[in-house]
């Protein structure tokens, strides 16, 4: 069963610059998630599985410059059905 979803994440980022010792931690913020997934739920099997792809786009400020950050998350999940 394919599905598409939207969600919100509560995210805090730690940004570091490899050239210098500068480390910036962002405040906690709410960012949107875009989700595409596929559920596999067979009636005769006690396990169910799913695959999910999430895309999260957020922005932050580092050294007085606005930066964009994009996350691509792939999830593979298995569930035991009772």
PDB file of N, CA and C in Angstrom:
ATOM      1  N   UNK A   1       0.857  -1.173   0.000  1.00  0.00           N
ATOM      2  CA  UNK A   1       0.000   0.000   0.000  1.00  0.00           C
ATOM      3  C   UNK A   1       0.904   1.238   0.000  1.00  0.00           C
ATOM      4  N   UNK A   2       1.004   1.944  -1.096  1.00  0.00           N
ATOM      5  CA  UNK A   2       1.813   3.166  -1.107  1.00  0.00           C
ATOM      6  C   UNK A   2       1.103   4.316  -0.394  1.00  0.00           C
ATOM      7  N   UNK A   3       1.864   5.236   0.139  1.00  0.00           N
ATOM      8  CA  UNK A   3       1.284   6.411   0.786  1.00  0.00           C
ATOM      9  C   UNK A   3       2.204   7.612   0.642  1.00  0.00           C
ATOM     10  N   UNK A   4       1.600   8.773   0.752  1.00  0.00           N
ATOM     11  CA  UNK A   4       2.314  10.050   0.742  1.00  0.00           C
ATOM     12  C   UNK A   4       1.864  10.803   1.979  1.00  0.00           C
ATOM     13  N   UNK A   5       2.781  11.465   2.658  1.00  0.00           N
ATOM     14  CA  UNK A   5       2.403  12.177   3.869  1.00  0.00           C
ATOM     15  C   UNK A   5       3.195  13.449   4.051  1.00  0.00           C
ATOM     16  N   UNK A   6       2.712  14.258   4.928  1.00  0.00           N
ATOM     17  CA  UNK A   6       3.395  15.471   5.366  1.00  0.00           C
ATOM     18  C   UNK A   6       3.533  15.384   6.871  1.00  0.00           C
ATOM     19  N   UNK A   7       4.589  15.944   7.396  1.00  0.00           N
ATOM     20  CA  UNK A   7       4.765  15.913   8.837  1.00  0.00           C
ATOM     21  C   UNK A   7       5.596  17.091   9.293  1.00  0.00           C
ATOM     22  N   UNK A   8       5.727  17.206  10.593  1.00  0.00           N
ATOM     23  CA  UNK A   8       6.560  18.234  11.197  1.00  0.00           C
ATOM     24  C   UNK A   8       7.598  17.556  12.078  1.00  0.00           C
ATOM     25  N   UNK A   9       8.810  18.075  12.058  1.00  0.00           N
ATOM     26  CA  UNK A   9       9.893  17.561  12.890  1.00  0.00           C
ATOM     27  C   UNK A   9      10.327  18.652  13.859  1.00  0.00           C
ATOM     28  N   UNK A  10      10.830  18.221  14.985  1.00  0.00           N
ATOM     29  CA  UNK A  10      11.426  19.121  15.954  1.00  0.00           C
ATOM     30  C   UNK A  10      12.930  18.876  15.848  1.00  0.00           C
ATOM     31  N   UNK A  11      13.700  19.829  15.334  1.00  0.00           N
ATOM     32  CA  UNK A  11      15.068  19.598  14.891  1.00  0.00           C
ATOM     33  C   UNK A  11      16.027  20.590  15.524  1.00  0.00           C
ATOM     34  N   UNK A  12      17.192  20.088  15.910  1.00  0.00           N
ATOM     35  CA  UNK A  12      18.285  20.937  16.372  1.00  0.00           C
ATOM     36  C   UNK A  12      19.533  20.504  15.615  1.00  0.00           C
ATOM     37  N   UNK A  13      20.252  21.454  15.030  1.00  0.00           N
ATOM     38  CA  UNK A  13      21.418  21.143  14.212  1.00  0.00           C
ATOM     39  C   UNK A  13      22.703  21.592  14.894  1.00  0.00           C
ATOM     40  N   UNK A  14      23.755  20.822  14.668  1.00  0.00           N
ATOM     41  CA  UNK A  14      25.094  21.213  15.101  1.00  0.00           C
ATOM     42  C   UNK A  14      25.920  21.336  13.838  1.00  0.00           C
ATOM     43  N   UNK A  15      26.408  22.526  13.561  1.00  0.00           N
ATOM     44  CA  UNK A  15      27.140  22.809  12.338  1.00  0.00           C
ATOM     45  C   UNK A  15      28.589  23.109  12.713  1.00  0.00           C
ATOM     46  N   UNK A  16      29.528  22.456  12.026  1.00  0.00           N
ATOM     47  CA  UNK A  16      30.933  22.749  12.296  1.00  0.00           C
ATOM     48  C   UNK A  16      31.650  23.031  10.980  1.00  0.00           C
ATOM     49  N   UNK A  17      32.670  23.832  11.080  1.00  0.00           N
ATOM     50  CA  UNK A  17      33.486  24.185   9.924  1.00  0.00           C
ATOM     51  C   UNK A  17      34.793  23.406  10.037  1.00  0.00           C
ATOM     52  N   UNK A  18      35.140  22.596   9.045  1.00  0.00           N
ATOM     53  CA  UNK A  18      36.342  21.770   9.113  1.00  0.00           C
ATOM     54  C   UNK A  18      37.624  22.588   9.084  1.00  0.00           C
ATOM     55  N   UNK A  19      37.573  23.793   8.535  1.00  0.00           N
ATOM     56  CA  UNK A  19      38.780  24.624   8.430  1.00  0.00           C
ATOM     57  C   UNK A  19      39.146  25.297   9.748  1.00  0.00           C
ATOM     58  N   UNK A  20      38.160  25.573  10.570  1.00  0.00           N
ATOM     59  CA  UNK A  20      38.413  26.259  11.838  1.00  0.00           C
ATOM     60  C   UNK A  20      37.708  25.492  12.954  1.00  0.00           C
ATOM     61  N   UNK A  21      37.856  25.980  14.156  1.00  0.00           N
ATOM     62  CA  UNK A  21      37.232  25.325  15.309  1.00  0.00           C
ATOM     63  C   UNK A  21      35.842  25.884  15.599  1.00  0.00           C
ATOM     64  N   UNK A  22      35.244  26.546  14.629  1.00  0.00           N
ATOM     65  CA  UNK A  22      33.932  27.161  14.844  1.00  0.00           C
ATOM     66  C   UNK A  22      32.854  26.079  14.833  1.00  0.00           C
ATOM     67  N   UNK A  23      32.070  26.068  15.880  1.00  0.00           N
ATOM     68  CA  UNK A  23      30.929  25.149  15.976  1.00  0.00           C
ATOM     69  C   UNK A  23      29.705  25.973  16.324  1.00  0.00           C
ATOM     70  N   UNK A  24      28.635  25.772  15.612  1.00  0.00           N
ATOM     71  CA  UNK A  24      27.393  26.517  15.845  1.00  0.00           C
ATOM     72  C   UNK A  24      26.284  25.512  16.108  1.00  0.00           C
ATOM     73  N   UNK A  25      25.556  25.721  17.175  1.00  0.00           N
ATOM     74  CA  UNK A  25      24.390  24.903  17.461  1.00  0.00           C
ATOM     75  C   UNK A  25      23.146  25.758  17.267  1.00  0.00           C
ATOM     76  N   UNK A  26      22.215  25.237  16.511  1.00  0.00           N
ATOM     77  CA  UNK A  26      20.994  25.996  16.267  1.00  0.00           C
ATOM     78  C   UNK A  26      20.014  25.790  17.426  1.00  0.00           C
ATOM     79  N   UNK A  27      19.034  26.643  17.475  1.00  0.00           N
ATOM     80  CA  UNK A  27      17.949  26.458  18.418  1.00  0.00           C
ATOM     81  C   UNK A  27      17.051  25.335  17.919  1.00  0.00           C
ATOM     82  N   UNK A  28      16.264  24.777  18.819  1.00  0.00           N
ATOM     83  CA  UNK A  28      15.268  23.801  18.408  1.00  0.00           C
ATOM     84  C   UNK A  28      14.246  24.513  17.544  1.00  0.00           C
ATOM     85  N   UNK A  29      13.859  23.880  16.432  1.00  0.00           N
ATOM     86  CA  UNK A  29      12.875  24.504  15.559  1.00  0.00           C
ATOM     87  C   UNK A  29      12.025  23.413  14.900  1.00  0.00           C
ATOM     88  N   UNK A  30      10.866  23.823  14.464  1.00  0.00           N
ATOM     89  CA  UNK A  30       9.953  22.917  13.780  1.00  0.00           C
ATOM     90  C   UNK A  30      10.154  23.074  12.283  1.00  0.00           C
ATOM     91  N   UNK A  31      10.385  21.949  11.594  1.00  0.00           N
ATOM     92  CA  UNK A  31      10.607  21.970  10.148  1.00  0.00           C
ATOM     93  C   UNK A  31       9.669  20.961   9.485  1.00  0.00           C
ATOM     94  N   UNK A  32       9.271  21.217   8.234  1.00  0.00           N
ATOM     95  CA  UNK A  32       8.361  20.288   7.552  1.00  0.00           C
ATOM     96  C   UNK A  32       9.091  19.047   7.030  1.00  0.00           C
ATOM     97  N   UNK A  33       8.356  17.946   6.930  1.00  0.00           N
ATOM     98  CA  UNK A  33       8.845  16.703   6.324  1.00  0.00           C
ATOM     99  C   UNK A  33       7.905  16.310   5.205  1.00  0.00           C
ATOM    100  N   UNK A  34       8.462  15.769   4.149  1.00  0.00           N
ATOM    101  CA  UNK A  34       7.665  15.240   3.054  1.00  0.00           C
ATOM    102  C   UNK A  34       7.969  13.748   2.988  1.00  0.00           C
ATOM    103  N   UNK A  35       6.947  12.914   3.023  1.00  0.00           N
ATOM    104  CA  UNK A  35       7.128  11.479   3.217  1.00  0.00           C
ATOM    105  C   UNK A  35       6.471  10.705   2.074  1.00  0.00           C
ATOM    106  N   UNK A  36       7.214   9.733   1.545  1.00  0.00           N
ATOM    107  CA  UNK A  36       6.678   8.779   0.579  1.00  0.00           C
ATOM    108  C   UNK A  36       7.013   7.398   1.130  1.00  0.00           C
ATOM    109  N   UNK A  37       6.037   6.502   1.170  1.00  0.00           N
ATOM    110  CA  UNK A  37       6.302   5.198   1.753  1.00  0.00           C
ATOM    111  C   UNK A  37       5.541   4.093   1.069  1.00  0.00           C
ATOM    112  N   UNK A  38       5.876   2.872   1.481  1.00  0.00           N
ATOM    113  CA  UNK A  38       5.237   1.676   0.956  1.00  0.00           C
ATOM    114  C   UNK A  38       5.106   0.678   2.099  1.00  0.00           C
ATOM    115  N   UNK A  39       3.895   0.231   2.398  1.00  0.00           N
ATOM    116  CA  UNK A  39       3.640  -0.771   3.429  1.00  0.00           C
ATOM    117  C   UNK A  39       3.404  -2.125   2.790  1.00  0.00           C
ATOM    118  N   UNK A  40       3.940  -3.160   3.409  1.00  0.00           N
ATOM    119  CA  UNK A  40       3.695  -4.527   2.977  1.00  0.00           C
ATOM    120  C   UNK A  40       3.094  -5.271   4.160  1.00  0.00           C
ATOM    121  N   UNK A  41       1.833  -5.607   4.079  1.00  0.00           N
ATOM    122  CA  UNK A  41       1.111  -6.240   5.177  1.00  0.00           C
ATOM    123  C   UNK A  41       0.353  -7.448   4.633  1.00  0.00           C
ATOM    124  N   UNK A  42       0.960  -8.618   4.742  1.00  0.00           N
ATOM    125  CA  UNK A  42       0.335  -9.835   4.247  1.00  0.00           C
ATOM    126  C   UNK A  42      -0.533 -10.466   5.347  1.00  0.00           C
ATOM    127  N   UNK A  43      -1.742 -10.881   5.042  1.00  0.00           N
ATOM    128  CA  UNK A  43      -2.661 -11.367   6.074  1.00  0.00           C
ATOM    129  C   UNK A  43      -2.235 -12.672   6.748  1.00  0.00           C
ATOM    130  N   UNK A  44      -1.412 -13.491   6.104  1.00  0.00           N
ATOM    131  CA  UNK A  44      -1.048 -14.782   6.690  1.00  0.00           C
ATOM    132  C   UNK A  44       0.286 -14.767   7.419  1.00  0.00           C
ATOM    133  N   UNK A  45       0.996 -13.679   7.378  1.00  0.00           N
ATOM    134  CA  UNK A  45       2.315 -13.591   7.997  1.00  0.00           C
ATOM    135  C   UNK A  45       2.227 -12.703   9.235  1.00  0.00           C
ATOM    136  N   UNK A  46       2.967 -13.081  10.300  1.00  0.00           N
ATOM    137  CA  UNK A  46       2.898 -12.295  11.546  1.00  0.00           C
ATOM    138  C   UNK A  46       3.792 -11.066  11.528  1.00  0.00           C
ATOM    139  N   UNK A  47       4.566 -10.899  10.463  1.00  0.00           N
ATOM    140  CA  UNK A  47       5.406  -9.717  10.347  1.00  0.00           C
ATOM    141  C   UNK A  47       4.881  -8.808   9.243  1.00  0.00           C
ATOM    142  N   UNK A  48       5.045  -7.536   9.428  1.00  0.00           N
ATOM    143  CA  UNK A  48       4.721  -6.552   8.397  1.00  0.00           C
ATOM    144  C   UNK A  48       5.959  -5.687   8.196  1.00  0.00           C
ATOM    145  N   UNK A  49       6.125  -5.165   7.013  1.00  0.00           N
ATOM    146  CA  UNK A  49       7.287  -4.338   6.740  1.00  0.00           C
ATOM    147  C   UNK A  49       6.902  -3.092   5.983  1.00  0.00           C
ATOM    148  N   UNK A  50       7.790  -2.129   6.012  1.00  0.00           N
ATOM    149  CA  UNK A  50       7.551  -0.904   5.263  1.00  0.00           C
ATOM    150  C   UNK A  50       8.874  -0.245   4.907  1.00  0.00           C
ATOM    151  N   UNK A  51       8.845   0.522   3.833  1.00  0.00           N
ATOM    152  CA  UNK A  51       9.966   1.350   3.409  1.00  0.00           C
ATOM    153  C   UNK A  51       9.458   2.781   3.381  1.00  0.00           C
ATOM    154  N   UNK A  52      10.319   3.710   3.753  1.00  0.00           N
ATOM    155  CA  UNK A  52       9.885   5.100   3.790  1.00  0.00           C
ATOM    156  C   UNK A  52      11.044   5.998   3.401  1.00  0.00           C
ATOM    157  N   UNK A  53      10.750   7.022   2.641  1.00  0.00           N
ATOM    158  CA  UNK A  53      11.712   8.056   2.278  1.00  0.00           C
ATOM    159  C   UNK A  53      11.194   9.375   2.835  1.00  0.00           C
ATOM    160  N   UNK A  54      12.040  10.092   3.539  1.00  0.00           N
ATOM    161  CA  UNK A  54      11.664  11.404   4.087  1.00  0.00           C
ATOM    162  C   UNK A  54      12.641  12.456   3.581  1.00  0.00           C
ATOM    163  N   UNK A  55      12.090  13.604   3.234  1.00  0.00           N
ATOM    164  CA  UNK A  55      12.891  14.746   2.797  1.00  0.00           C
ATOM    165  C   UNK A  55      12.607  15.892   3.759  1.00  0.00           C
ATOM    166  N   UNK A  56      13.660  16.415   4.362  1.00  0.00           N
ATOM    167  CA  UNK A  56      13.530  17.516   5.321  1.00  0.00           C
ATOM    168  C   UNK A  56      14.410  18.653   4.828  1.00  0.00           C
ATOM    169  N   UNK A  57      13.850  19.855   4.736  1.00  0.00           N
ATOM    170  CA  UNK A  57      14.578  21.032   4.271  1.00  0.00           C
ATOM    171  C   UNK A  57      14.511  22.084   5.365  1.00  0.00           C
ATOM    172  N   UNK A  58      15.653  22.572   5.796  1.00  0.00           N
ATOM    173  CA  UNK A  58      15.687  23.587   6.839  1.00  0.00           C
ATOM    174  C   UNK A  58      16.781  24.609   6.511  1.00  0.00           C
ATOM    175  N   UNK A  59      16.780  25.714   7.187  1.00  0.00           N
ATOM    176  CA  UNK A  59      17.822  26.719   6.983  1.00  0.00           C
ATOM    177  C   UNK A  59      18.350  27.180   8.329  1.00  0.00           C
ATOM    178  N   UNK A  60      19.558  27.717   8.327  1.00  0.00           N
ATOM    179  CA  UNK A  60      20.207  28.175   9.553  1.00  0.00           C
ATOM    180  C   UNK A  60      21.183  29.284   9.192  1.00  0.00           C
ATOM    181  N   UNK A  61      21.728  29.917  10.203  1.00  0.00           N
ATOM    182  CA  UNK A  61      22.708  30.978   9.989  1.00  0.00           C
ATOM    183  C   UNK A  61      24.042  30.528  10.557  1.00  0.00           C
ATOM    184  N   UNK A  62      25.112  30.646   9.771  1.00  0.00           N
ATOM    185  CA  UNK A  62      26.450  30.240  10.180  1.00  0.00           C
ATOM    186  C   UNK A  62      27.443  31.300   9.733  1.00  0.00           C
ATOM    187  N   UNK A  63      28.184  31.860  10.658  1.00  0.00           N
ATOM    188  CA  UNK A  63      29.133  32.946  10.366  1.00  0.00           C
ATOM    189  C   UNK A  63      28.449  34.093   9.634  1.00  0.00           C
ATOM    190  N   UNK A  64      27.293  34.486  10.102  1.00  0.00           N
ATOM    191  CA  UNK A  64      26.490  35.575   9.547  1.00  0.00           C
ATOM    192  C   UNK A  64      26.054  35.329   8.107  1.00  0.00           C
ATOM    193  N   UNK A  65      26.020  34.080   7.683  1.00  0.00           N
ATOM    194  CA  UNK A  65      25.530  33.718   6.354  1.00  0.00           C
ATOM    195  C   UNK A  65      24.353  32.767   6.506  1.00  0.00           C
ATOM    196  N   UNK A  66      23.351  32.967   5.689  1.00  0.00           N
ATOM    197  CA  UNK A  66      22.207  32.047   5.677  1.00  0.00           C
ATOM    198  C   UNK A  66      22.573  30.811   4.864  1.00  0.00           C
ATOM    199  N   UNK A  67      22.336  29.644   5.444  1.00  0.00           N
ATOM    200  CA  UNK A  67      22.644  28.368   4.792  1.00  0.00           C
ATOM    201  C   UNK A  67      21.366  27.546   4.684  1.00  0.00           C
ATOM    202  N   UNK A  68      21.362  26.654   3.714  1.00  0.00           N
ATOM    203  CA  UNK A  68      20.249  25.733   3.514  1.00  0.00           C
ATOM    204  C   UNK A  68      20.741  24.331   3.829  1.00  0.00           C
ATOM    205  N   UNK A  69      19.913  23.544   4.477  1.00  0.00           N
ATOM    206  CA  UNK A  69      20.279  22.184   4.829  1.00  0.00           C
ATOM    207  C   UNK A  69      19.176  21.242   4.355  1.00  0.00           C
ATOM    208  N   UNK A  70      19.557  20.186   3.662  1.00  0.00           N
ATOM    209  CA  UNK A  70      18.587  19.219   3.153  1.00  0.00           C
ATOM    210  C   UNK A  70      18.945  17.839   3.681  1.00  0.00           C
ATOM    211  N   UNK A  71      17.964  17.118   4.176  1.00  0.00           N
ATOM    212  CA  UNK A  71      18.159  15.769   4.690  1.00  0.00           C
ATOM    213  C   UNK A  71      17.340  14.795   3.855  1.00  0.00           C
ATOM    214  N   UNK A  72      17.963  13.708   3.472  1.00  0.00           N
ATOM    215  CA  UNK A  72      17.283  12.623   2.785  1.00  0.00           C
ATOM    216  C   UNK A  72      17.386  11.405   3.703  1.00  0.00           C
ATOM    217  N   UNK A  73      16.262  10.886   4.151  1.00  0.00           N
ATOM    218  CA  UNK A  73      16.236   9.790   5.118  1.00  0.00           C
ATOM    219  C   UNK A  73      15.505   8.606   4.494  1.00  0.00           C
ATOM    220  N   UNK A  74      16.149   7.442   4.521  1.00  0.00           N
ATOM    221  CA  UNK A  74      15.528   6.207   4.062  1.00  0.00           C
ATOM    222  C   UNK A  74      15.331   5.301   5.270  1.00  0.00           C
ATOM    223  N   UNK A  75      14.110   4.830   5.470  1.00  0.00           N
ATOM    224  CA  UNK A  75      13.794   3.956   6.608  1.00  0.00           C
ATOM    225  C   UNK A  75      13.282   2.621   6.105  1.00  0.00           C
ATOM    226  N   UNK A  76      13.752   1.544   6.689  1.00  0.00           N
ATOM    227  CA  UNK A  76      13.248   0.209   6.436  1.00  0.00           C
ATOM    228  C   UNK A  76      12.775  -0.325   7.784  1.00  0.00           C
ATOM    229  N   UNK A  77      11.494  -0.641   7.896  1.00  0.00           N
ATOM    230  CA  UNK A  77      10.918  -1.015   9.187  1.00  0.00           C
ATOM    231  C   UNK A  77      10.250  -2.388   9.103  1.00  0.00           C
ATOM    232  N   UNK A  78      10.330  -3.126  10.211  1.00  0.00           N
ATOM    233  CA  UNK A  78       9.642  -4.407  10.353  1.00  0.00           C
ATOM    234  C   UNK A  78       8.832  -4.356  11.644  1.00  0.00           C
ATOM    235  N   UNK A  79       7.611  -4.890  11.575  1.00  0.00           N
ATOM    236  CA  UNK A  79       6.733  -4.898  12.747  1.00  0.00           C
ATOM    237  C   UNK A  79       6.236  -6.316  12.988  1.00  0.00           C
ATOM    238  N   UNK A  80       6.125  -6.686  14.244  1.00  0.00           N
ATOM    239  CA  UNK A  80       5.518  -7.942  14.638  1.00  0.00           C
ATOM    240  C   UNK A  80       4.065  -7.672  14.961  1.00  0.00           C
ATOM    241  N   UNK A  81       3.161  -8.406  14.299  1.00  0.00           N
ATOM    242  CA  UNK A  81       1.734  -8.191  14.522  1.00  0.00           C
ATOM    243  C   UNK A  81       1.245  -9.149  15.608  1.00  0.00           C
ATOM    244  N   UNK A  82       0.461  -8.631  16.542  1.00  0.00           N
ATOM    245  CA  UNK A  82      -0.121  -9.457  17.630  1.00  0.00           C
ATOM    246  C   UNK A  82      -1.540  -9.827  17.294  1.00  0.00           C
TER     247      UNK A  82
END
